């Protein structure tokens, strides 16, 4: 089952005060904050990368695999998704804990 665009829009609306974007990835979506991939949206479920700081803040929270073979991530329940203050804090903590993305290598010039 793939994610409905309406669910992606809802997640982005919940996090509208942050620099967020969702990018299609393999039929699902990657969730980016400040150009860092902080989670995935798969099967109409939000998954956030677990960091030590994020796990400490979130406390007892379910983990799940966004897709078969993936590393377990924090599985955000519908109730937690509706709690904007909690969700924004988790996103802020996770974003701060993750390393900056590596710069992209320039493409070589095309031969004519």
PDB file of N, CA and C in Angstrom:
ATOM      1  N   UNK A   1       0.849  -1.176   0.000  1.00  0.00           N
ATOM      2  CA  UNK A   1       0.000   0.000   0.000  1.00  0.00           C
ATOM      3  C   UNK A   1       0.891   1.235   0.000  1.00  0.00           C
ATOM      4  N   UNK A   2       0.575   2.186  -0.833  1.00  0.00           N
ATOM      5  CA  UNK A   2       1.371   3.410  -0.857  1.00  0.00           C
ATOM      6  C   UNK A   2       0.662   4.515  -0.086  1.00  0.00           C
ATOM      7  N   UNK A   3       1.396   5.556   0.173  1.00  0.00           N
ATOM      8  CA  UNK A   3       0.886   6.668   0.965  1.00  0.00           C
ATOM      9  C   UNK A   3       0.039   7.598   0.108  1.00  0.00           C
ATOM     10  N   UNK A   4      -1.070   8.052   0.680  1.00  0.00           N
ATOM     11  CA  UNK A   4      -1.924   9.036   0.017  1.00  0.00           C
ATOM     12  C   UNK A   4      -1.260  10.402   0.110  1.00  0.00           C
ATOM     13  N   UNK A   5      -1.339  11.168  -0.971  1.00  0.00           N
ATOM     14  CA  UNK A   5      -0.765  12.515  -0.952  1.00  0.00           C
ATOM     15  C   UNK A   5      -1.446  13.370   0.124  1.00  0.00           C
ATOM     16  N   UNK A   6      -2.712  13.114   0.397  1.00  0.00           N
ATOM     17  CA  UNK A   6      -3.436  13.866   1.430  1.00  0.00           C
ATOM     18  C   UNK A   6      -2.780  13.663   2.803  1.00  0.00           C
ATOM     19  N   UNK A   7      -2.281  12.454   3.085  1.00  0.00           N
ATOM     20  CA  UNK A   7      -1.607  12.203   4.356  1.00  0.00           C
ATOM     21  C   UNK A   7      -0.283  12.961   4.417  1.00  0.00           C
ATOM     22  N   UNK A   8       0.451  12.969   3.315  1.00  0.00           N
ATOM     23  CA  UNK A   8       1.712  13.719   3.254  1.00  0.00           C
ATOM     24  C   UNK A   8       1.439  15.202   3.506  1.00  0.00           C
ATOM     25  N   UNK A   9       0.406  15.724   2.867  1.00  0.00           N
ATOM     26  CA  UNK A   9       0.044  17.130   3.059  1.00  0.00           C
ATOM     27  C   UNK A   9      -0.319  17.403   4.518  1.00  0.00           C
ATOM     28  N   UNK A  10      -1.016  16.466   5.167  1.00  0.00           N
ATOM     29  CA  UNK A  10      -1.374  16.620   6.576  1.00  0.00           C
ATOM     30  C   UNK A  10      -0.122  16.692   7.457  1.00  0.00           C
ATOM     31  N   UNK A  11       0.843  15.805   7.214  1.00  0.00           N
ATOM     32  CA  UNK A  11       2.096  15.820   7.981  1.00  0.00           C
ATOM     33  C   UNK A  11       2.799  17.165   7.790  1.00  0.00           C
ATOM     34  N   UNK A  12       2.868  17.637   6.552  1.00  0.00           N
ATOM     35  CA  UNK A  12       3.528  18.909   6.283  1.00  0.00           C
ATOM     36  C   UNK A  12       2.776  20.081   6.918  1.00  0.00           C
ATOM     37  N   UNK A  13       1.459  20.007   6.950  1.00  0.00           N
ATOM     38  CA  UNK A  13       0.664  21.048   7.616  1.00  0.00           C
ATOM     39  C   UNK A  13       0.953  21.066   9.118  1.00  0.00           C
ATOM     40  N   UNK A  14       1.072  19.879   9.714  1.00  0.00           N
ATOM     41  CA  UNK A  14       1.372  19.803  11.146  1.00  0.00           C
ATOM     42  C   UNK A  14       2.727  20.446  11.461  1.00  0.00           C
ATOM     43  N   UNK A  15       3.625  20.391  10.500  1.00  0.00           N
ATOM     44  CA  UNK A  15       4.982  20.900  10.695  1.00  0.00           C
ATOM     45  C   UNK A  15       5.240  22.159   9.863  1.00  0.00           C
ATOM     46  N   UNK A  16       4.185  22.914   9.586  1.00  0.00           N
ATOM     47  CA  UNK A  16       4.280  24.083   8.705  1.00  0.00           C
ATOM     48  C   UNK A  16       5.249  25.144   9.219  1.00  0.00           C
ATOM     49  N   UNK A  17       5.473  25.207  10.520  1.00  0.00           N
ATOM     50  CA  UNK A  17       6.369  26.218  11.072  1.00  0.00           C
ATOM     51  C   UNK A  17       7.841  25.836  10.908  1.00  0.00           C
ATOM     52  N   UNK A  18       8.111  24.651  10.400  1.00  0.00           N
ATOM     53  CA  UNK A  18       9.483  24.188  10.194  1.00  0.00           C
ATOM     54  C   UNK A  18       9.806  24.183   8.697  1.00  0.00           C
ATOM     55  N   UNK A  19      11.071  24.145   8.368  1.00  0.00           N
ATOM     56  CA  UNK A  19      11.499  24.089   6.960  1.00  0.00           C
ATOM     57  C   UNK A  19      11.420  22.641   6.499  1.00  0.00           C
ATOM     58  N   UNK A  20      10.219  22.195   6.184  1.00  0.00           N
ATOM     59  CA  UNK A  20       9.995  20.795   5.847  1.00  0.00           C
ATOM     60  C   UNK A  20       9.634  20.645   4.371  1.00  0.00           C
ATOM     61  N   UNK A  21      10.000  19.496   3.840  1.00  0.00           N
ATOM     62  CA  UNK A  21       9.523  19.107   2.521  1.00  0.00           C
ATOM     63  C   UNK A  21       9.475  17.592   2.465  1.00  0.00           C
ATOM     64  N   UNK A  22       8.621  17.090   1.610  1.00  0.00           N
ATOM     65  CA  UNK A  22       8.534  15.647   1.389  1.00  0.00           C
ATOM     66  C   UNK A  22       8.874  15.392  -0.070  1.00  0.00           C
ATOM     67  N   UNK A  23       9.690  14.397  -0.289  1.00  0.00           N
ATOM     68  CA  UNK A  23      10.126  14.071  -1.641  1.00  0.00           C
ATOM     69  C   UNK A  23       9.764  12.621  -1.957  1.00  0.00           C
ATOM     70  N   UNK A  24       9.146  12.376  -3.116  1.00  0.00           N
ATOM     71  CA  UNK A  24       8.810  10.995  -3.477  1.00  0.00           C
ATOM     72  C   UNK A  24      10.067  10.116  -3.534  1.00  0.00           C
ATOM     73  N   UNK A  25       9.940   8.936  -2.945  1.00  0.00           N
ATOM     74  CA  UNK A  25      11.035   7.964  -2.950  1.00  0.00           C
ATOM     75  C   UNK A  25      10.449   6.563  -3.067  1.00  0.00           C
ATOM     76  N   UNK A  26      10.657   5.922  -4.176  1.00  0.00           N
ATOM     77  CA  UNK A  26      10.253   4.530  -4.350  1.00  0.00           C
ATOM     78  C   UNK A  26       8.779   4.292  -4.033  1.00  0.00           C
ATOM     79  N   UNK A  27       7.922   5.207  -4.413  1.00  0.00           N
ATOM     80  CA  UNK A  27       6.490   5.062  -4.179  1.00  0.00           C
ATOM     81  C   UNK A  27       6.034   5.572  -2.825  1.00  0.00           C
ATOM     82  N   UNK A  28       6.949   5.969  -1.980  1.00  0.00           N
ATOM     83  CA  UNK A  28       6.629   6.545  -0.679  1.00  0.00           C
ATOM     84  C   UNK A  28       7.299   7.916  -0.616  1.00  0.00           C
ATOM     85  N   UNK A  29       7.587   8.437   0.585  1.00  0.00           N
ATOM     86  CA  UNK A  29       8.132   9.781   0.700  1.00  0.00           C
ATOM     87  C   UNK A  29       9.230   9.858   1.736  1.00  0.00           C
ATOM     88  N   UNK A  30      10.271  10.621   1.413  1.00  0.00           N
ATOM     89  CA  UNK A  30      11.293  10.983   2.384  1.00  0.00           C
ATOM     90  C   UNK A  30      10.910  12.327   2.976  1.00  0.00           C
ATOM     91  N   UNK A  31      11.138  12.509   4.264  1.00  0.00           N
ATOM     92  CA  UNK A  31      10.794  13.751   4.954  1.00  0.00           C
ATOM     93  C   UNK A  31      12.084  14.490   5.306  1.00  0.00           C
ATOM     94  N   UNK A  32      12.188  15.729   4.856  1.00  0.00           N
ATOM     95  CA  UNK A  32      13.397  16.517   5.012  1.00  0.00           C
ATOM     96  C   UNK A  32      13.127  17.750   5.868  1.00  0.00           C
ATOM     97  N   UNK A  33      14.086  18.079   6.725  1.00  0.00           N
ATOM     98  CA  UNK A  33      14.075  19.319   7.490  1.00  0.00           C
ATOM     99  C   UNK A  33      15.470  19.923   7.362  1.00  0.00           C
ATOM    100  N   UNK A  34      15.536  21.154   6.934  1.00  0.00           N
ATOM    101  CA  UNK A  34      16.818  21.817   6.705  1.00  0.00           C
ATOM    102  C   UNK A  34      17.724  20.958   5.822  1.00  0.00           C
ATOM    103  N   UNK A  35      17.113  20.344   4.837  1.00  0.00           N
ATOM    104  CA  UNK A  35      17.783  19.489   3.845  1.00  0.00           C
ATOM    105  C   UNK A  35      18.403  18.224   4.431  1.00  0.00           C
ATOM    106  N   UNK A  36      18.067  17.888   5.667  1.00  0.00           N
ATOM    107  CA  UNK A  36      18.463  16.612   6.272  1.00  0.00           C
ATOM    108  C   UNK A  36      17.270  15.681   6.193  1.00  0.00           C
ATOM    109  N   UNK A  37      17.496  14.434   5.772  1.00  0.00           N
ATOM    110  CA  UNK A  37      16.390  13.474   5.777  1.00  0.00           C
ATOM    111  C   UNK A  37      16.210  12.991   7.220  1.00  0.00           C
ATOM    112  N   UNK A  38      15.056  13.310   7.780  1.00  0.00           N
ATOM    113  CA  UNK A  38      14.819  12.986   9.190  1.00  0.00           C
ATOM    114  C   UNK A  38      13.846  11.836   9.365  1.00  0.00           C
ATOM    115  N   UNK A  39      13.206  11.429   8.287  1.00  0.00           N
ATOM    116  CA  UNK A  39      12.247  10.343   8.422  1.00  0.00           C
ATOM    117  C   UNK A  39      11.631   9.959   7.094  1.00  0.00           C
ATOM    118  N   UNK A  40      10.670   9.074   7.183  1.00  0.00           N
ATOM    119  CA  UNK A  40       9.959   8.565   6.009  1.00  0.00           C
ATOM    120  C   UNK A  40       8.465   8.570   6.283  1.00  0.00           C
ATOM    121  N   UNK A  41       7.713   8.697   5.225  1.00  0.00           N
ATOM    122  CA  UNK A  41       6.270   8.525   5.297  1.00  0.00           C
ATOM    123  C   UNK A  41       5.956   7.327   4.409  1.00  0.00           C
ATOM    124  N   UNK A  42       5.537   6.250   5.031  1.00  0.00           N
ATOM    125  CA  UNK A  42       5.266   4.998   4.322  1.00  0.00           C
ATOM    126  C   UNK A  42       3.939   4.429   4.803  1.00  0.00           C
ATOM    127  N   UNK A  43       3.126   3.972   3.876  1.00  0.00           N
ATOM    128  CA  UNK A  43       1.831   3.358   4.211  1.00  0.00           C
ATOM    129  C   UNK A  43       1.015   4.237   5.163  1.00  0.00           C
ATOM    130  N   UNK A  44       0.983   5.550   4.864  1.00  0.00           N
ATOM    131  CA  UNK A  44       0.228   6.516   5.670  1.00  0.00           C
ATOM    132  C   UNK A  44       0.646   6.504   7.142  1.00  0.00           C
ATOM    133  N   UNK A  45       1.939   6.307   7.379  1.00  0.00           N
ATOM    134  CA  UNK A  45       2.505   6.334   8.723  1.00  0.00           C
ATOM    135  C   UNK A  45       3.777   7.166   8.676  1.00  0.00           C
ATOM    136  N   UNK A  46       3.964   8.009   9.700  1.00  0.00           N
ATOM    137  CA  UNK A  46       5.178   8.802   9.813  1.00  0.00           C
ATOM    138  C   UNK A  46       6.196   8.047  10.654  1.00  0.00           C
ATOM    139  N   UNK A  47       7.389   7.912  10.118  1.00  0.00           N
ATOM    140  CA  UNK A  47       8.516   7.296  10.815  1.00  0.00           C
ATOM    141  C   UNK A  47       9.615   8.348  10.937  1.00  0.00           C
ATOM    142  N   UNK A  48      10.197   8.497  12.124  1.00  0.00           N
ATOM    143  CA  UNK A  48      11.278   9.444  12.367  1.00  0.00           C
ATOM    144  C   UNK A  48      12.537   8.665  12.743  1.00  0.00           C
ATOM    145  N   UNK A  49      13.676   9.086  12.170  1.00  0.00           N
ATOM    146  CA  UNK A  49      14.937   8.421  12.486  1.00  0.00           C
ATOM    147  C   UNK A  49      15.208   8.483  13.988  1.00  0.00           C
ATOM    148  N   UNK A  50      15.615   7.383  14.569  1.00  0.00           N
ATOM    149  CA  UNK A  50      15.925   7.409  16.001  1.00  0.00           C
ATOM    150  C   UNK A  50      17.325   7.978  16.244  1.00  0.00           C
ATOM    151  N   UNK A  51      17.398   8.991  17.068  1.00  0.00           N
ATOM    152  CA  UNK A  51      18.677   9.506  17.556  1.00  0.00           C
ATOM    153  C   UNK A  51      18.635   9.340  19.073  1.00  0.00           C
ATOM    154  N   UNK A  52      19.771   9.327  19.707  1.00  0.00           N
ATOM    155  CA  UNK A  52      19.791   9.191  21.171  1.00  0.00           C
ATOM    156  C   UNK A  52      18.936  10.280  21.821  1.00  0.00           C
ATOM    157  N   UNK A  53      19.092  11.509  21.330  1.00  0.00           N
ATOM    158  CA  UNK A  53      18.363  12.640  21.897  1.00  0.00           C
ATOM    159  C   UNK A  53      16.856  12.519  21.627  1.00  0.00           C
ATOM    160  N   UNK A  54      16.501  12.112  20.425  1.00  0.00           N
ATOM    161  CA  UNK A  54      15.089  11.963  20.075  1.00  0.00           C
ATOM    162  C   UNK A  54      14.409  10.856  20.848  1.00  0.00           C
ATOM    163  N   UNK A  55      15.107   9.747  21.031  1.00  0.00           N
ATOM    164  CA  UNK A  55      14.557   8.626  21.801  1.00  0.00           C
ATOM    165  C   UNK A  55      14.371   9.037  23.260  1.00  0.00           C
ATOM    166  N   UNK A  56      15.338   9.773  23.806  1.00  0.00           N
ATOM    167  CA  UNK A  56      15.220  10.234  25.192  1.00  0.00           C
ATOM    168  C   UNK A  56      14.004  11.149  25.351  1.00  0.00           C
ATOM    169  N   UNK A  57      13.773  12.008  24.380  1.00  0.00           N
ATOM    170  CA  UNK A  57      12.614  12.906  24.447  1.00  0.00           C
ATOM    171  C   UNK A  57      11.303  12.142  24.274  1.00  0.00           C
ATOM    172  N   UNK A  58      11.264  11.237  23.295  1.00  0.00           N
ATOM    173  CA  UNK A  58      10.018  10.545  22.957  1.00  0.00           C
ATOM    174  C   UNK A  58       9.589   9.557  24.032  1.00  0.00           C
ATOM    175  N   UNK A  59      10.549   9.028  24.773  1.00  0.00           N
ATOM    176  CA  UNK A  59      10.205   8.054  25.813  1.00  0.00           C
ATOM    177  C   UNK A  59       9.746   6.738  25.192  1.00  0.00           C
ATOM    178  N   UNK A  60       8.748   6.137  25.820  1.00  0.00           N
ATOM    179  CA  UNK A  60       8.241   4.845  25.334  1.00  0.00           C
ATOM    180  C   UNK A  60       7.414   5.089  24.077  1.00  0.00           C
ATOM    181  N   UNK A  61       7.972   4.696  22.966  1.00  0.00           N
ATOM    182  CA  UNK A  61       7.298   4.881  21.683  1.00  0.00           C
ATOM    183  C   UNK A  61       7.563   3.657  20.828  1.00  0.00           C
ATOM    184  N   UNK A  62       6.577   3.279  20.065  1.00  0.00           N
ATOM    185  CA  UNK A  62       6.722   2.103  19.199  1.00  0.00           C
ATOM    186  C   UNK A  62       7.771   2.368  18.124  1.00  0.00           C
ATOM    187  N   UNK A  63       8.395   1.299  17.710  1.00  0.00           N
ATOM    188  CA  UNK A  63       9.317   1.353  16.568  1.00  0.00           C
ATOM    189  C   UNK A  63       8.776   0.426  15.501  1.00  0.00           C
ATOM    190  N   UNK A  64       9.103   0.742  14.288  1.00  0.00           N
ATOM    191  CA  UNK A  64       8.662  -0.102  13.192  1.00  0.00           C
ATOM    192  C   UNK A  64       9.547   0.088  11.982  1.00  0.00           C
ATOM    193  N   UNK A  65       9.446  -0.852  11.061  1.00  0.00           N
ATOM    194  CA  UNK A  65      10.191  -0.776   9.810  1.00  0.00           C
ATOM    195  C   UNK A  65       9.305  -0.104   8.773  1.00  0.00           C
ATOM    196  N   UNK A  66       9.767   1.002   8.195  1.00  0.00           N
ATOM    197  CA  UNK A  66       8.962   1.676   7.188  1.00  0.00           C
ATOM    198  C   UNK A  66       8.720   0.806   5.951  1.00  0.00           C
ATOM    199  N   UNK A  67       9.659  -0.090   5.675  1.00  0.00           N
ATOM    200  CA  UNK A  67       9.548  -1.033   4.563  1.00  0.00           C
ATOM    201  C   UNK A  67      10.368  -2.263   4.950  1.00  0.00           C
ATOM    202  N   UNK A  68      10.090  -3.399   4.323  1.00  0.00           N
ATOM    203  CA  UNK A  68      10.816  -4.625   4.697  1.00  0.00           C
ATOM    204  C   UNK A  68      12.325  -4.464   4.552  1.00  0.00           C
ATOM    205  N   UNK A  69      13.033  -4.831   5.602  1.00  0.00           N
ATOM    206  CA  UNK A  69      14.482  -4.777   5.603  1.00  0.00           C
ATOM    207  C   UNK A  69      15.063  -3.456   6.080  1.00  0.00           C
ATOM    208  N   UNK A  70      14.213  -2.471   6.340  1.00  0.00           N
ATOM    209  CA  UNK A  70      14.693  -1.167   6.810  1.00  0.00           C
ATOM    210  C   UNK A  70      15.060  -1.248   8.294  1.00  0.00           C
ATOM    211  N   UNK A  71      15.918  -0.328   8.721  1.00  0.00           N
ATOM    212  CA  UNK A  71      16.225  -0.220  10.142  1.00  0.00           C
ATOM    213  C   UNK A  71      14.987   0.304  10.860  1.00  0.00           C
ATOM    214  N   UNK A  72      14.700  -0.198  12.057  1.00  0.00           N
ATOM    215  CA  UNK A  72      13.539   0.306  12.799  1.00  0.00           C
ATOM    216  C   UNK A  72      13.662   1.803  13.076  1.00  0.00           C
ATOM    217  N   UNK A  73      12.552   2.482  12.957  1.00  0.00           N
ATOM    218  CA  UNK A  73      12.474   3.912  13.227  1.00  0.00           C
ATOM    219  C   UNK A  73      11.342   4.173  14.208  1.00  0.00           C
ATOM    220  N   UNK A  74      11.304   5.397  14.732  1.00  0.00           N
ATOM    221  CA  UNK A  74      10.226   5.764  15.645  1.00  0.00           C
ATOM    222  C   UNK A  74       8.931   5.852  14.845  1.00  0.00           C
ATOM    223  N   UNK A  75       7.934   5.103  15.263  1.00  0.00           N
ATOM    224  CA  UNK A  75       6.653   5.064  14.570  1.00  0.00           C
ATOM    225  C   UNK A  75       5.709   6.028  15.277  1.00  0.00           C
ATOM    226  N   UNK A  76       5.347   7.094  14.596  1.00  0.00           N
ATOM    227  CA  UNK A  76       4.561   8.162  15.214  1.00  0.00           C
ATOM    228  C   UNK A  76       3.075   7.828  15.099  1.00  0.00           C
ATOM    229  N   UNK A  77       2.427   7.726  16.240  1.00  0.00           N
ATOM    230  CA  UNK A  77       0.998   7.386  16.268  1.00  0.00           C
ATOM    231  C   UNK A  77       0.173   8.578  15.791  1.00  0.00           C
ATOM    232  N   UNK A  78      -1.072   8.317  15.455  1.00  0.00           N
ATOM    233  CA  UNK A  78      -1.998   9.379  15.020  1.00  0.00           C
ATOM    234  C   UNK A  78      -2.153  10.420  16.134  1.00  0.00           C
ATOM    235  N   UNK A  79      -2.207   9.981  17.395  1.00  0.00           N
ATOM    236  CA  UNK A  79      -2.348  10.917  18.514  1.00  0.00           C
ATOM    237  C   UNK A  79      -1.130  11.823  18.617  1.00  0.00           C
ATOM    238  N   UNK A  80       0.072  11.256  18.493  1.00  0.00           N
ATOM    239  CA  UNK A  80       1.294  12.067  18.570  1.00  0.00           C
ATOM    240  C   UNK A  80       1.406  12.986  17.352  1.00  0.00           C
ATOM    241  N   UNK A  81       0.944  12.524  16.207  1.00  0.00           N
ATOM    242  CA  UNK A  81       0.962  13.345  15.000  1.00  0.00           C
ATOM    243  C   UNK A  81       0.057  14.562  15.162  1.00  0.00           C
ATOM    244  N   UNK A  82      -1.016  14.406  15.898  1.00  0.00           N
ATOM    245  CA  UNK A  82      -1.948  15.515  16.140  1.00  0.00           C
ATOM    246  C   UNK A  82      -1.413  16.504  17.176  1.00  0.00           C
ATOM    247  N   UNK A  83      -0.444  16.086  17.990  1.00  0.00           N
ATOM    248  CA  UNK A  83       0.137  16.942  19.023  1.00  0.00           C
ATOM    249  C   UNK A  83       1.286  17.745  18.402  1.00  0.00           C
ATOM    250  N   UNK A  84       0.960  18.899  17.841  1.00  0.00           N
ATOM    251  CA  UNK A  84       1.919  19.685  17.073  1.00  0.00           C
ATOM    252  C   UNK A  84       3.136  20.077  17.911  1.00  0.00           C
ATOM    253  N   UNK A  85       2.936  20.516  19.152  1.00  0.00           N
ATOM    254  CA  UNK A  85       4.069  20.929  19.990  1.00  0.00           C
ATOM    255  C   UNK A  85       5.045  19.769  20.200  1.00  0.00           C
ATOM    256  N   UNK A  86       4.525  18.592  20.531  1.00  0.00           N
ATOM    257  CA  UNK A  86       5.373  17.419  20.742  1.00  0.00           C
ATOM    258  C   UNK A  86       6.106  17.061  19.451  1.00  0.00           C
ATOM    259  N   UNK A  87       5.377  17.055  18.332  1.00  0.00           N
ATOM    260  CA  UNK A  87       5.963  16.669  17.047  1.00  0.00           C
ATOM    261  C   UNK A  87       7.046  17.654  16.612  1.00  0.00           C
ATOM    262  N   UNK A  88       6.785  18.947  16.760  1.00  0.00           N
ATOM    263  CA  UNK A  88       7.794  19.952  16.401  1.00  0.00           C
ATOM    264  C   UNK A  88       9.048  19.791  17.254  1.00  0.00           C
ATOM    265  N   UNK A  89       8.873  19.512  18.533  1.00  0.00           N
ATOM    266  CA  UNK A  89      10.031  19.330  19.411  1.00  0.00           C
ATOM    267  C   UNK A  89      10.839  18.106  18.982  1.00  0.00           C
ATOM    268  N   UNK A  90      10.165  17.007  18.677  1.00  0.00           N
ATOM    269  CA  UNK A  90      10.875  15.807  18.213  1.00  0.00           C
ATOM    270  C   UNK A  90      11.623  16.092  16.915  1.00  0.00           C
ATOM    271  N   UNK A  91      10.992  16.787  15.995  1.00  0.00           N
ATOM    272  CA  UNK A  91      11.650  17.127  14.724  1.00  0.00           C
ATOM    273  C   UNK A  91      12.863  18.018  14.976  1.00  0.00           C
ATOM    274  N   UNK A  92      12.725  19.010  15.841  1.00  0.00           N
ATOM    275  CA  UNK A  92      13.849  19.901  16.151  1.00  0.00           C
ATOM    276  C   UNK A  92      15.018  19.127  16.760  1.00  0.00           C
ATOM    277  N   UNK A  93      14.726  18.262  17.710  1.00  0.00           N
ATOM    278  CA  UNK A  93      15.762  17.472  18.374  1.00  0.00           C
ATOM    279  C   UNK A  93      16.450  16.543  17.377  1.00  0.00           C
ATOM    280  N   UNK A  94      15.658  15.881  16.557  1.00  0.00           N
ATOM    281  CA  UNK A  94      16.206  14.943  15.569  1.00  0.00           C
ATOM    282  C   UNK A  94      17.059  15.672  14.544  1.00  0.00           C
ATOM    283  N   UNK A  95      16.558  16.786  14.047  1.00  0.00           N
ATOM    284  CA  UNK A  95      17.299  17.559  13.042  1.00  0.00           C
ATOM    285  C   UNK A  95      18.637  18.022  13.605  1.00  0.00           C
ATOM    286  N   UNK A  96      18.645  18.511  14.831  1.00  0.00           N
ATOM    287  CA  UNK A  96      19.886  18.983  15.446  1.00  0.00           C
ATOM    288  C   UNK A  96      20.891  17.847  15.652  1.00  0.00           C
ATOM    289  N   UNK A  97      20.398  16.641  15.909  1.00  0.00           N
ATOM    290  CA  UNK A  97      21.283  15.511  16.200  1.00  0.00           C
ATOM    291  C   UNK A  97      21.876  14.867  14.946  1.00  0.00           C
ATOM    292  N   UNK A  98      21.233  15.058  13.804  1.00  0.00           N
ATOM    293  CA  UNK A  98      21.712  14.419  12.574  1.00  0.00           C
ATOM    294  C   UNK A  98      22.799  15.263  11.912  1.00  0.00           C
ATOM    295  N   UNK A  99      23.753  14.596  11.262  1.00  0.00           N
ATOM    296  CA  UNK A  99      24.820  15.355  10.594  1.00  0.00           C
ATOM    297  C   UNK A  99      24.287  16.090   9.368  1.00  0.00           C
ATOM    298  N   UNK A 100      25.003  17.135   8.981  1.00  0.00           N
ATOM    299  CA  UNK A 100      24.646  17.876   7.775  1.00  0.00           C
ATOM    300  C   UNK A 100      24.803  16.962   6.562  1.00  0.00           C
ATOM    301  N   UNK A 101      23.979  17.162   5.548  1.00  0.00           N
ATOM    302  CA  UNK A 101      24.126  16.331   4.355  1.00  0.00           C
ATOM    303  C   UNK A 101      25.465  16.591   3.670  1.00  0.00           C
ATOM    304  N   UNK A 102      25.999  15.555   3.066  1.00  0.00           N
ATOM    305  CA  UNK A 102      27.263  15.692   2.350  1.00  0.00           C
ATOM    306  C   UNK A 102      27.012  16.507   1.081  1.00  0.00           C
ATOM    307  N   UNK A 103      27.962  17.385   0.738  1.00  0.00           N
ATOM    308  CA  UNK A 103      27.772  18.168  -0.492  1.00  0.00           C
ATOM    309  C   UNK A 103      27.778  17.245  -1.709  1.00  0.00           C
ATOM    310  N   UNK A 104      26.941  17.597  -2.661  1.00  0.00           N
ATOM    311  CA  UNK A 104      26.881  16.806  -3.890  1.00  0.00           C
ATOM    312  C   UNK A 104      28.102  17.109  -4.750  1.00  0.00           C
ATOM    313  N   UNK A 105      28.614  16.054  -5.396  1.00  0.00           N
ATOM    314  CA  UNK A 105      29.744  16.232  -6.289  1.00  0.00           C
ATOM    315  C   UNK A 105      29.239  16.896  -7.568  1.00  0.00           C
ATOM    316  N   UNK A 106      30.036  17.825  -8.102  1.00  0.00           N
ATOM    317  CA  UNK A 106      29.607  18.453  -9.356  1.00  0.00           C
ATOM    318  C   UNK A 106      29.626  17.437 -10.488  1.00  0.00           C
ATOM    319  N   UNK A 107      28.671  17.596 -11.386  1.00  0.00           N
ATOM    320  CA  UNK A 107      28.618  16.695 -12.525  1.00  0.00           C
ATOM    321  C   UNK A 107      29.719  17.073 -13.518  1.00  0.00           C
ATOM    322  N   UNK A 108      30.359  16.057 -14.109  1.00  0.00           N
ATOM    323  CA  UNK A 108      31.398  16.375 -15.099  1.00  0.00           C
ATOM    324  C   UNK A 108      30.742  16.997 -16.334  1.00  0.00           C
ATOM    325  N   UNK A 109      31.493  17.833 -17.036  1.00  0.00           N
ATOM    326  CA  UNK A 109      30.909  18.448 -18.233  1.00  0.00           C
ATOM    327  C   UNK A 109      30.571  17.391 -19.276  1.00  0.00           C
ATOM    328  N   UNK A 110      29.497  17.644 -19.986  1.00  0.00           N
ATOM    329  CA  UNK A 110      29.064  16.701 -21.033  1.00  0.00           C
ATOM    330  C   UNK A 110      29.963  16.849 -22.246  1.00  0.00           C
ATOM    331  N   UNK A 111      30.282  15.724 -22.824  1.00  0.00           N
ATOM    332  CA  UNK A 111      31.081  15.732 -24.059  1.00  0.00           C
ATOM    333  C   UNK A 111      30.122  15.900 -25.220  1.00  0.00           C
ATOM    334  N   UNK A 112      30.547  16.704 -26.178  1.00  0.00           N
ATOM    335  CA  UNK A 112      29.678  16.880 -27.350  1.00  0.00           C
ATOM    336  C   UNK A 112      30.051  15.996 -28.494  1.00  0.00           C
TER     337      UNK A 112
END
